[in-house]
PDB file of N, CA and C in Angstrom:
ATOM      1  N   UNK A   1     -13.794  -4.326  -3.249  1.00  0.00           N
ATOM      2  CA  UNK A   1     -13.049  -5.481  -2.719  1.00  0.00           C
ATOM      3  C   UNK A   1     -12.504  -6.285  -3.904  1.00  0.00           C
ATOM      4  N   UNK A   2     -11.270  -6.666  -3.770  1.00  0.00           N
ATOM      5  CA  UNK A   2     -10.576  -7.429  -4.809  1.00  0.00           C
ATOM      6  C   UNK A   2     -10.808  -8.879  -4.638  1.00  0.00           C
ATOM      7  N   UNK A   3     -10.818  -9.578  -5.784  1.00  0.00           N
ATOM      8  CA  UNK A   3     -10.910 -11.086  -5.738  1.00  0.00           C
ATOM      9  C   UNK A   3      -9.485 -11.623  -5.615  1.00  0.00           C
ATOM     10  N   UNK A   4      -9.392 -12.894  -5.290  1.00  0.00           N
ATOM     11  CA  UNK A   4      -8.080 -13.554  -5.185  1.00  0.00           C
ATOM     12  C   UNK A   4      -7.317 -13.412  -6.462  1.00  0.00           C
ATOM     13  N   UNK A   5      -7.952 -13.605  -7.610  1.00  0.00           N
ATOM     14  CA  UNK A   5      -7.280 -13.541  -8.825  1.00  0.00           C
ATOM     15  C   UNK A   5      -6.736 -12.141  -9.174  1.00  0.00           C
ATOM     16  N   UNK A   6      -7.510 -11.115  -8.793  1.00  0.00           N
ATOM     17  CA  UNK A   6      -7.057  -9.746  -8.973  1.00  0.00           C
ATOM     18  C   UNK A   6      -5.848  -9.444  -8.054  1.00  0.00           C
ATOM     19  N   UNK A   7      -5.929  -9.881  -6.781  1.00  0.00           N
ATOM     20  CA  UNK A   7      -4.824  -9.659  -5.902  1.00  0.00           C
ATOM     21  C   UNK A   7      -3.532 -10.386  -6.394  1.00  0.00           C
ATOM     22  N   UNK A   8      -3.693 -11.562  -6.927  1.00  0.00           N
ATOM     23  CA  UNK A   8      -2.536 -12.277  -7.468  1.00  0.00           C
ATOM     24  C   UNK A   8      -1.933 -11.508  -8.569  1.00  0.00           C
ATOM     25  N   UNK A   9      -2.758 -10.957  -9.469  1.00  0.00           N
ATOM     26  CA  UNK A   9      -2.271 -10.173 -10.598  1.00  0.00           C
ATOM     27  C   UNK A   9      -1.499  -8.900 -10.136  1.00  0.00           C
ATOM     28  N   UNK A  10      -2.118  -8.221  -9.154  1.00  0.00           N
ATOM     29  CA  UNK A  10      -1.450  -6.976  -8.605  1.00  0.00           C
ATOM     30  C   UNK A  10      -0.218  -7.289  -7.854  1.00  0.00           C
ATOM     31  N   UNK A  11      -0.131  -8.473  -7.150  1.00  0.00           N
ATOM     32  CA  UNK A  11       1.053  -8.835  -6.467  1.00  0.00           C
ATOM     33  C   UNK A  11       2.247  -9.039  -7.451  1.00  0.00           C
ATOM     34  N   UNK A  12       1.937  -9.589  -8.569  1.00  0.00           N
ATOM     35  CA  UNK A  12       2.931  -9.754  -9.699  1.00  0.00           C
ATOM     36  C   UNK A  12       3.501  -8.427 -10.182  1.00  0.00           C
ATOM     37  N   UNK A  13       2.591  -7.431 -10.345  1.00  0.00           N
ATOM     38  CA  UNK A  13       2.989  -6.081 -10.720  1.00  0.00           C
ATOM     39  C   UNK A  13       3.778  -5.374  -9.709  1.00  0.00           C
ATOM     40  N   UNK A  14       3.501  -5.629  -8.433  1.00  0.00           N
ATOM     41  CA  UNK A  14       4.053  -4.919  -7.294  1.00  0.00           C
ATOM     42  C   UNK A  14       5.538  -5.305  -7.062  1.00  0.00           C
ATOM     43  N   UNK A  15       5.930  -6.472  -7.552  1.00  0.00           N
ATOM     44  CA  UNK A  15       7.328  -6.907  -7.336  1.00  0.00           C
ATOM     45  C   UNK A  15       8.348  -5.923  -7.974  1.00  0.00           C
ATOM     46  N   UNK A  16       7.964  -5.237  -9.004  1.00  0.00           N
ATOM     47  CA  UNK A  16       8.879  -4.281  -9.607  1.00  0.00           C
ATOM     48  C   UNK A  16       8.846  -2.842  -8.969  1.00  0.00           C
ATOM     49  N   UNK A  17       7.925  -2.662  -8.062  1.00  0.00           N
ATOM     50  CA  UNK A  17       7.784  -1.347  -7.497  1.00  0.00           C
ATOM     51  C   UNK A  17       8.781  -1.044  -6.413  1.00  0.00           C
ATOM     52  N   UNK A  18       9.152   0.241  -6.323  1.00  0.00           N
ATOM     53  CA  UNK A  18       9.958   0.688  -5.221  1.00  0.00           C
ATOM     54  C   UNK A  18       9.052   1.306  -4.177  1.00  0.00           C
ATOM     55  N   UNK A  19       9.420   1.207  -2.911  1.00  0.00           N
ATOM     56  CA  UNK A  19       8.578   1.742  -1.843  1.00  0.00           C
ATOM     57  C   UNK A  19       8.284   3.273  -2.039  1.00  0.00           C
ATOM     58  N   UNK A  20       7.070   3.667  -1.848  1.00  0.00           N
ATOM     59  CA  UNK A  20       6.652   5.043  -1.896  1.00  0.00           C
ATOM     60  C   UNK A  20       6.960   5.793  -0.576  1.00  0.00           C
ATOM     61  N   UNK A  21       6.772   5.033   0.503  1.00  0.00           N
ATOM     62  CA  UNK A  21       6.960   5.544   1.823  1.00  0.00           C
ATOM     63  C   UNK A  21       7.647   4.549   2.739  1.00  0.00           C
ATOM     64  N   UNK A  22       8.473   5.004   3.632  1.00  0.00           N
ATOM     65  CA  UNK A  22       9.138   4.106   4.570  1.00  0.00           C
ATOM     66  C   UNK A  22       8.826   4.518   5.977  1.00  0.00           C
ATOM     67  N   UNK A  23       8.303   3.614   6.745  1.00  0.00           N
ATOM     68  CA  UNK A  23       7.949   3.867   8.143  1.00  0.00           C
ATOM     69  C   UNK A  23       9.243   3.603   8.901  1.00  0.00           C
ATOM     70  N   UNK A  24       9.900   4.640   9.433  1.00  0.00           N
ATOM     71  CA  UNK A  24      11.093   4.468  10.150  1.00  0.00           C
ATOM     72  C   UNK A  24      11.002   4.565  11.619  1.00  0.00           C
ATOM     73  N   UNK A  25      12.084   4.962  12.288  1.00  0.00           N
ATOM     74  CA  UNK A  25      12.131   5.030  13.719  1.00  0.00           C
ATOM     75  C   UNK A  25      11.161   6.040  14.306  1.00  0.00           C
ATOM     76  N   UNK A  26      10.657   7.002  13.511  1.00  0.00           N
ATOM     77  CA  UNK A  26       9.673   7.944  14.002  1.00  0.00           C
ATOM     78  C   UNK A  26       8.287   7.326  14.115  1.00  0.00           C
ATOM     79  N   UNK A  27       8.082   6.258  13.315  1.00  0.00           N
ATOM     80  CA  UNK A  27       6.761   5.592  13.355  1.00  0.00           C
ATOM     81  C   UNK A  27       5.844   6.109  12.242  1.00  0.00           C
ATOM     82  N   UNK A  28       4.592   5.966  12.388  1.00  0.00           N
ATOM     83  CA  UNK A  28       3.582   6.361  11.424  1.00  0.00           C
ATOM     84  C   UNK A  28       3.219   7.832  11.595  1.00  0.00           C
ATOM     85  N   UNK A  29       4.040   8.696  10.958  1.00  0.00           N
ATOM     86  CA  UNK A  29       4.034  10.154  11.098  1.00  0.00           C
ATOM     87  C   UNK A  29       3.117  10.781  10.038  1.00  0.00           C
ATOM     88  N   UNK A  30       2.768  12.067  10.243  1.00  0.00           N
ATOM     89  CA  UNK A  30       1.973  12.760   9.227  1.00  0.00           C
ATOM     90  C   UNK A  30       2.666  12.845   7.845  1.00  0.00           C
ATOM     91  N   UNK A  31       4.060  12.831   7.869  1.00  0.00           N
ATOM     92  CA  UNK A  31       4.767  12.887   6.646  1.00  0.00           C
ATOM     93  C   UNK A  31       4.582  11.556   5.867  1.00  0.00           C
ATOM     94  N   UNK A  32       4.561  10.443   6.583  1.00  0.00           N
ATOM     95  CA  UNK A  32       4.328   9.121   5.989  1.00  0.00           C
ATOM     96  C   UNK A  32       2.928   9.069   5.390  1.00  0.00           C
ATOM     97  N   UNK A  33       1.973   9.557   6.138  1.00  0.00           N
ATOM     98  CA  UNK A  33       0.562   9.591   5.684  1.00  0.00           C
ATOM     99  C   UNK A  33       0.443  10.440   4.411  1.00  0.00           C
ATOM    100  N   UNK A  34       1.178  11.570   4.367  1.00  0.00           N
ATOM    101  CA  UNK A  34       1.090  12.453   3.215  1.00  0.00           C
ATOM    102  C   UNK A  34       1.726  11.753   1.966  1.00  0.00           C
ATOM    103  N   UNK A  35       2.825  11.050   2.172  1.00  0.00           N
ATOM    104  CA  UNK A  35       3.434  10.299   1.045  1.00  0.00           C
ATOM    105  C   UNK A  35       2.544   9.165   0.512  1.00  0.00           C
ATOM    106  N   UNK A  36       1.839   8.547   1.442  1.00  0.00           N
ATOM    107  CA  UNK A  36       0.898   7.449   1.013  1.00  0.00           C
ATOM    108  C   UNK A  36      -0.230   8.069   0.206  1.00  0.00           C
ATOM    109  N   UNK A  37      -0.786   9.212   0.666  1.00  0.00           N
ATOM    110  CA  UNK A  37      -1.863   9.822  -0.124  1.00  0.00           C
ATOM    111  C   UNK A  37      -1.443  10.251  -1.437  1.00  0.00           C
ATOM    112  N   UNK A  38      -0.241  10.840  -1.551  1.00  0.00           N
ATOM    113  CA  UNK A  38       0.219  11.296  -2.848  1.00  0.00           C
ATOM    114  C   UNK A  38       0.548  10.157  -3.779  1.00  0.00           C
ATOM    115  N   UNK A  39       1.094   9.125  -3.207  1.00  0.00           N
ATOM    116  CA  UNK A  39       1.378   7.880  -3.999  1.00  0.00           C
ATOM    117  C   UNK A  39       0.153   7.239  -4.534  1.00  0.00           C
ATOM    118  N   UNK A  40      -0.900   7.106  -3.742  1.00  0.00           N
ATOM    119  CA  UNK A  40      -2.111   6.500  -4.183  1.00  0.00           C
ATOM    120  C   UNK A  40      -2.784   7.368  -5.247  1.00  0.00           C
ATOM    121  N   UNK A  41      -2.778   8.696  -5.127  1.00  0.00           N
ATOM    122  CA  UNK A  41      -3.363   9.553  -6.138  1.00  0.00           C
ATOM    123  C   UNK A  41      -2.664   9.418  -7.451  1.00  0.00           C
ATOM    124  N   UNK A  42      -1.375   9.298  -7.399  1.00  0.00           N
ATOM    125  CA  UNK A  42      -0.547   9.207  -8.599  1.00  0.00           C
ATOM    126  C   UNK A  42      -0.534   7.854  -9.303  1.00  0.00           C
ATOM    127  N   UNK A  43      -0.525   6.767  -8.506  1.00  0.00           N
ATOM    128  CA  UNK A  43      -0.224   5.463  -9.058  1.00  0.00           C
ATOM    129  C   UNK A  43      -1.201   4.331  -8.898  1.00  0.00           C
ATOM    130  N   UNK A  44      -2.131   4.458  -8.029  1.00  0.00           N
ATOM    131  CA  UNK A  44      -3.170   3.438  -7.689  1.00  0.00           C
ATOM    132  C   UNK A  44      -2.556   2.253  -6.963  1.00  0.00           C
ATOM    133  N   UNK A  45      -1.345   1.715  -7.388  1.00  0.00           N
ATOM    134  CA  UNK A  45      -0.722   0.613  -6.726  1.00  0.00           C
ATOM    135  C   UNK A  45       0.621   1.106  -6.140  1.00  0.00           C
ATOM    136  N   UNK A  46       0.714   0.910  -4.819  1.00  0.00           N
ATOM    137  CA  UNK A  46       1.984   1.380  -4.164  1.00  0.00           C
ATOM    138  C   UNK A  46       2.484   0.364  -3.201  1.00  0.00           C
ATOM    139  N   UNK A  47       3.743   0.543  -2.788  1.00  0.00           N
ATOM    140  CA  UNK A  47       4.360  -0.285  -1.833  1.00  0.00           C
ATOM    141  C   UNK A  47       4.910   0.580  -0.719  1.00  0.00           C
ATOM    142  N   UNK A  48       4.684   0.123   0.537  1.00  0.00           N
ATOM    143  CA  UNK A  48       5.229   0.777   1.725  1.00  0.00           C
ATOM    144  C   UNK A  48       6.210  -0.132   2.421  1.00  0.00           C
ATOM    145  N   UNK A  49       7.237   0.367   2.838  1.00  0.00           N
ATOM    146  CA  UNK A  49       8.264  -0.471   3.608  1.00  0.00           C
ATOM    147  C   UNK A  49       8.277  -0.117   5.047  1.00  0.00           C
ATOM    148  N   UNK A  50       8.407  -1.004   5.910  1.00  0.00           N
ATOM    149  CA  UNK A  50       8.467  -0.832   7.352  1.00  0.00           C
ATOM    150  C   UNK A  50       9.920  -1.113   7.767  1.00  0.00           C
ATOM    151  N   UNK A  51      10.553  -0.026   8.319  1.00  0.00           N
ATOM    152  CA  UNK A  51      11.927  -0.168   8.684  1.00  0.00           C
ATOM    153  C   UNK A  51      12.154  -1.012   9.928  1.00  0.00           C
ATOM    154  N   UNK A  52      13.334  -1.507  10.116  1.00  0.00           N
ATOM    155  CA  UNK A  52      13.620  -2.376  11.286  1.00  0.00           C
ATOM    156  C   UNK A  52      13.497  -1.631  12.584  1.00  0.00           C
ATOM    157  N   UNK A  53      13.726  -0.335  12.568  1.00  0.00           N
ATOM    158  CA  UNK A  53      13.713   0.420  13.761  1.00  0.00           C
ATOM    159  C   UNK A  53      12.328   1.037  14.095  1.00  0.00           C
ATOM    160  N   UNK A  54      11.338   0.676  13.320  1.00  0.00           N
ATOM    161  CA  UNK A  54      10.034   1.242  13.453  1.00  0.00           C
ATOM    162  C   UNK A  54       9.372   0.815  14.774  1.00  0.00           C
ATOM    163  N   UNK A  55       8.772   1.735  15.572  1.00  0.00           N
ATOM    164  CA  UNK A  55       8.158   1.347  16.788  1.00  0.00           C
ATOM    165  C   UNK A  55       6.804   0.682  16.576  1.00  0.00           C
ATOM    166  N   UNK A  56       6.251   0.705  15.367  1.00  0.00           N
ATOM    167  CA  UNK A  56       5.020   0.020  15.074  1.00  0.00           C
ATOM    168  C   UNK A  56       5.228  -1.331  14.403  1.00  0.00           C
ATOM    169  N   UNK A  57       4.381  -2.255  14.760  1.00  0.00           N
ATOM    170  CA  UNK A  57       4.412  -3.555  14.127  1.00  0.00           C
ATOM    171  C   UNK A  57       3.671  -3.477  12.786  1.00  0.00           C
ATOM    172  N   UNK A  58       3.897  -4.399  11.897  1.00  0.00           N
ATOM    173  CA  UNK A  58       3.270  -4.314  10.577  1.00  0.00           C
ATOM    174  C   UNK A  58       1.741  -4.504  10.588  1.00  0.00           C
ATOM    175  N   UNK A  59       1.206  -5.327  11.536  1.00  0.00           N
ATOM    176  CA  UNK A  59      -0.200  -5.390  11.683  1.00  0.00           C
ATOM    177  C   UNK A  59      -0.852  -4.206  12.235  1.00  0.00           C
ATOM    178  N   UNK A  60      -0.124  -3.482  13.168  1.00  0.00           N
ATOM    179  CA  UNK A  60      -0.516  -2.191  13.691  1.00  0.00           C
ATOM    180  C   UNK A  60      -0.617  -1.148  12.561  1.00  0.00           C
ATOM    181  N   UNK A  61       0.400  -1.117  11.710  1.00  0.00           N
ATOM    182  CA  UNK A  61       0.436  -0.198  10.619  1.00  0.00           C
ATOM    183  C   UNK A  61      -0.690  -0.570   9.650  1.00  0.00           C
ATOM    184  N   UNK A  62      -0.925  -1.798   9.374  1.00  0.00           N
ATOM    185  CA  UNK A  62      -2.038  -2.244   8.452  1.00  0.00           C
ATOM    186  C   UNK A  62      -3.365  -1.691   8.981  1.00  0.00           C
ATOM    187  N   UNK A  63      -3.612  -1.774  10.317  1.00  0.00           N
ATOM    188  CA  UNK A  63      -4.840  -1.269  10.912  1.00  0.00           C
ATOM    189  C   UNK A  63      -4.940   0.235  10.707  1.00  0.00           C
ATOM    190  N   UNK A  64      -3.803   0.926  10.964  1.00  0.00           N
ATOM    191  CA  UNK A  64      -3.819   2.399  10.796  1.00  0.00           C
ATOM    192  C   UNK A  64      -4.133   2.803   9.338  1.00  0.00           C
ATOM    193  N   UNK A  65      -3.575   2.038   8.391  1.00  0.00           N
ATOM    194  CA  UNK A  65      -3.794   2.408   6.993  1.00  0.00           C
ATOM    195  C   UNK A  65      -5.286   2.123   6.593  1.00  0.00           C
ATOM    196  N   UNK A  66      -5.862   1.028   7.151  1.00  0.00           N
ATOM    197  CA  UNK A  66      -7.258   0.714   6.857  1.00  0.00           C
ATOM    198  C   UNK A  66      -8.178   1.860   7.378  1.00  0.00           C
ATOM    199  N   UNK A  67      -7.779   2.389   8.588  1.00  0.00           N
ATOM    200  CA  UNK A  67      -8.601   3.426   9.189  1.00  0.00           C
ATOM    201  C   UNK A  67      -8.466   4.761   8.450  1.00  0.00           C
ATOM    202  N   UNK A  68      -7.242   5.067   7.971  1.00  0.00           N
ATOM    203  CA  UNK A  68      -7.020   6.418   7.369  1.00  0.00           C
ATOM    204  C   UNK A  68      -7.474   6.489   5.932  1.00  0.00           C
ATOM    205  N   UNK A  69      -7.264   5.381   5.119  1.00  0.00           N
ATOM    206  CA  UNK A  69      -7.470   5.372   3.721  1.00  0.00           C
ATOM    207  C   UNK A  69      -8.526   4.269   3.357  1.00  0.00           C
ATOM    208  N   UNK A  70      -9.184   4.503   2.219  1.00  0.00           N
ATOM    209  CA  UNK A  70     -10.096   3.498   1.788  1.00  0.00           C
ATOM    210  C   UNK A  70      -9.349   2.713   0.671  1.00  0.00           C
ATOM    211  N   UNK A  71      -8.523   1.781   1.061  1.00  0.00           N
ATOM    212  CA  UNK A  71      -7.667   1.075   0.079  1.00  0.00           C
ATOM    213  C   UNK A  71      -7.812  -0.418   0.283  1.00  0.00           C
ATOM    214  N   UNK A  72      -7.447  -1.181  -0.683  1.00  0.00           N
ATOM    215  CA  UNK A  72      -7.389  -2.632  -0.629  1.00  0.00           C
ATOM    216  C   UNK A  72      -5.929  -2.972  -0.310  1.00  0.00           C
ATOM    217  N   UNK A  73      -5.723  -3.826   0.766  1.00  0.00           N
ATOM    218  CA  UNK A  73      -4.386  -4.303   1.020  1.00  0.00           C
ATOM    219  C   UNK A  73      -4.176  -5.549   0.219  1.00  0.00           C
ATOM    220  N   UNK A  74      -3.289  -5.486  -0.744  1.00  0.00           N
ATOM    221  CA  UNK A  74      -3.018  -6.584  -1.664  1.00  0.00           C
ATOM    222  C   UNK A  74      -2.186  -7.606  -1.060  1.00  0.00           C
ATOM    223  N   UNK A  75      -1.116  -7.174  -0.284  1.00  0.00           N
ATOM    224  CA  UNK A  75      -0.164  -8.200   0.227  1.00  0.00           C
ATOM    225  C   UNK A  75       0.590  -7.567   1.415  1.00  0.00           C
ATOM    226  N   UNK A  76       0.857  -8.420   2.322  1.00  0.00           N
ATOM    227  CA  UNK A  76       1.782  -8.060   3.437  1.00  0.00           C
ATOM    228  C   UNK A  76       2.831  -9.193   3.406  1.00  0.00           C
ATOM    229  N   UNK A  77       4.084  -8.855   3.076  1.00  0.00           N
ATOM    230  CA  UNK A  77       5.081  -9.841   3.039  1.00  0.00           C
ATOM    231  C   UNK A  77       6.390  -9.227   3.555  1.00  0.00           C
ATOM    232  N   UNK A  78       6.970  -9.939   4.503  1.00  0.00           N
ATOM    233  CA  UNK A  78       8.167  -9.388   5.155  1.00  0.00           C
ATOM    234  C   UNK A  78       7.842  -8.031   5.746  1.00  0.00           C
ATOM    235  N   UNK A  79       8.560  -7.027   5.417  1.00  0.00           N
ATOM    236  CA  UNK A  79       8.445  -5.698   5.984  1.00  0.00           C
ATOM    237  C   UNK A  79       7.786  -4.777   4.898  1.00  0.00           C
ATOM    238  N   UNK A  80       7.023  -5.311   3.957  1.00  0.00           N
ATOM    239  CA  UNK A  80       6.424  -4.498   2.891  1.00  0.00           C
ATOM    240  C   UNK A  80       4.951  -4.746   2.912  1.00  0.00           C
ATOM    241  N   UNK A  81       4.253  -3.663   2.617  1.00  0.00           N
ATOM    242  CA  UNK A  81       2.762  -3.701   2.438  1.00  0.00           C
ATOM    243  C   UNK A  81       2.432  -3.121   1.059  1.00  0.00           C
ATOM    244  N   UNK A  82       1.636  -3.881   0.269  1.00  0.00           N
ATOM    245  CA  UNK A  82       1.201  -3.416  -1.010  1.00  0.00           C
ATOM    246  C   UNK A  82      -0.227  -2.918  -0.984  1.00  0.00           C
ATOM    247  N   UNK A  83      -0.431  -1.715  -1.438  1.00  0.00           N
ATOM    248  CA  UNK A  83      -1.834  -1.146  -1.424  1.00  0.00           C
ATOM    249  C   UNK A  83      -2.336  -0.844  -2.802  1.00  0.00           C
ATOM    250  N   UNK A  84      -3.609  -0.943  -3.018  1.00  0.00           N
ATOM    251  CA  UNK A  84      -4.285  -0.631  -4.228  1.00  0.00           C
ATOM    252  C   UNK A  84      -5.490   0.147  -4.036  1.00  0.00           C
ATOM    253  N   UNK A  85      -5.739   1.214  -4.730  1.00  0.00           N
ATOM    254  CA  UNK A  85      -6.977   1.942  -4.757  1.00  0.00           C
ATOM    255  C   UNK A  85      -7.278   2.378  -6.133  1.00  0.00           C
ATOM    256  N   UNK A  86      -8.332   1.912  -6.707  1.00  0.00           N
ATOM    257  CA  UNK A  86      -8.766   2.264  -8.083  1.00  0.00           C
ATOM    258  C   UNK A  86      -9.295   3.605  -8.071  1.00  0.00           C
ATOM    259  N   UNK A  87      -8.939   4.363  -9.186  1.00  0.00           N
ATOM    260  CA  UNK A  87      -9.457   5.711  -9.311  1.00  0.00           C
ATOM    261  C   UNK A  87     -10.960   5.743  -9.616  1.00  0.00           C
ATOM    262  N   UNK A  88     -11.460   4.665 -10.146  1.00  0.00           N
ATOM    263  CA  UNK A  88     -12.865   4.489 -10.460  1.00  0.00           C
ATOM    264  C   UNK A  88     -12.997   3.153 -11.141  1.00  0.00           C
ATOM    265  N   UNK A  89     -14.255   2.627 -11.204  1.00  0.00           N
ATOM    266  CA  UNK A  89     -14.438   1.309 -11.703  1.00  0.00           C
ATOM    267  C   UNK A  89     -13.950   1.149 -13.152  1.00  0.00           C
ATOM    268  N   UNK A  90     -14.195   2.204 -13.983  1.00  0.00           N
ATOM    269  CA  UNK A  90     -13.786   2.114 -15.376  1.00  0.00           C
ATOM    270  C   UNK A  90     -12.526   2.930 -15.664  1.00  0.00           C
ATOM    271  N   UNK A  91     -12.001   3.669 -14.637  1.00  0.00           N
ATOM    272  CA  UNK A  91     -10.934   4.578 -14.947  1.00  0.00           C
ATOM    273  C   UNK A  91      -9.553   3.934 -14.527  1.00  0.00           C
ATOM    274  N   UNK A  92      -9.513   2.770 -13.975  1.00  0.00           N
ATOM    275  CA  UNK A  92      -8.223   2.177 -13.544  1.00  0.00           C
ATOM    276  C   UNK A  92      -7.281   1.912 -14.701  1.00  0.00           C
ATOM    277  N   UNK A  93      -5.972   2.107 -14.511  1.00  0.00           N
ATOM    278  CA  UNK A  93      -5.010   1.967 -15.586  1.00  0.00           C
ATOM    279  C   UNK A  93      -4.543   0.480 -15.631  1.00  0.00           C
ATOM    280  N   UNK A  94      -5.008  -0.326 -14.695  1.00  0.00           N
ATOM    281  CA  UNK A  94      -4.714  -1.732 -14.662  1.00  0.00           C
ATOM    282  C   UNK A  94      -5.879  -2.536 -15.266  1.00  0.00           C
ATOM    283  N   UNK A  95      -5.608  -3.507 -16.061  1.00  0.00           N
ATOM    284  CA  UNK A  95      -6.640  -4.328 -16.577  1.00  0.00           C
ATOM    285  C   UNK A  95      -6.769  -5.541 -15.618  1.00  0.00           C
ATOM    286  N   UNK A  96      -7.667  -5.350 -14.634  1.00  0.00           N
ATOM    287  CA  UNK A  96      -7.838  -6.424 -13.663  1.00  0.00           C
ATOM    288  C   UNK A  96      -8.605  -7.638 -14.240  1.00  0.00           C
ATOM    289  N   UNK A  97      -8.159  -8.828 -13.961  1.00  0.00           N
ATOM    290  CA  UNK A  97      -8.853  -9.993 -14.492  1.00  0.00           C
ATOM    291  C   UNK A  97     -10.224 -10.172 -13.802  1.00  0.00           C
TER     292      UNK A  97
END
């Protein structure tokens, strides 16, 4: 679980990120799940965008992500969700405050 200070730090870093996955008109598909898994394995901090035509609401997608993955949701703003999953307590590439 991240503290408020850690989330604030990660939110600042996430502003420069491009979305790894986009939930489009098909909804939360297996392809989107695969992209999220690959993104988390590679980068620890990722951004997901929810398209305007998505049949799922952002809170519904947030719930699905929490069920499927063991990640910390750093921020939900607009149609974007920022996720963080540390590779290990001492192995993270981010120096969390």
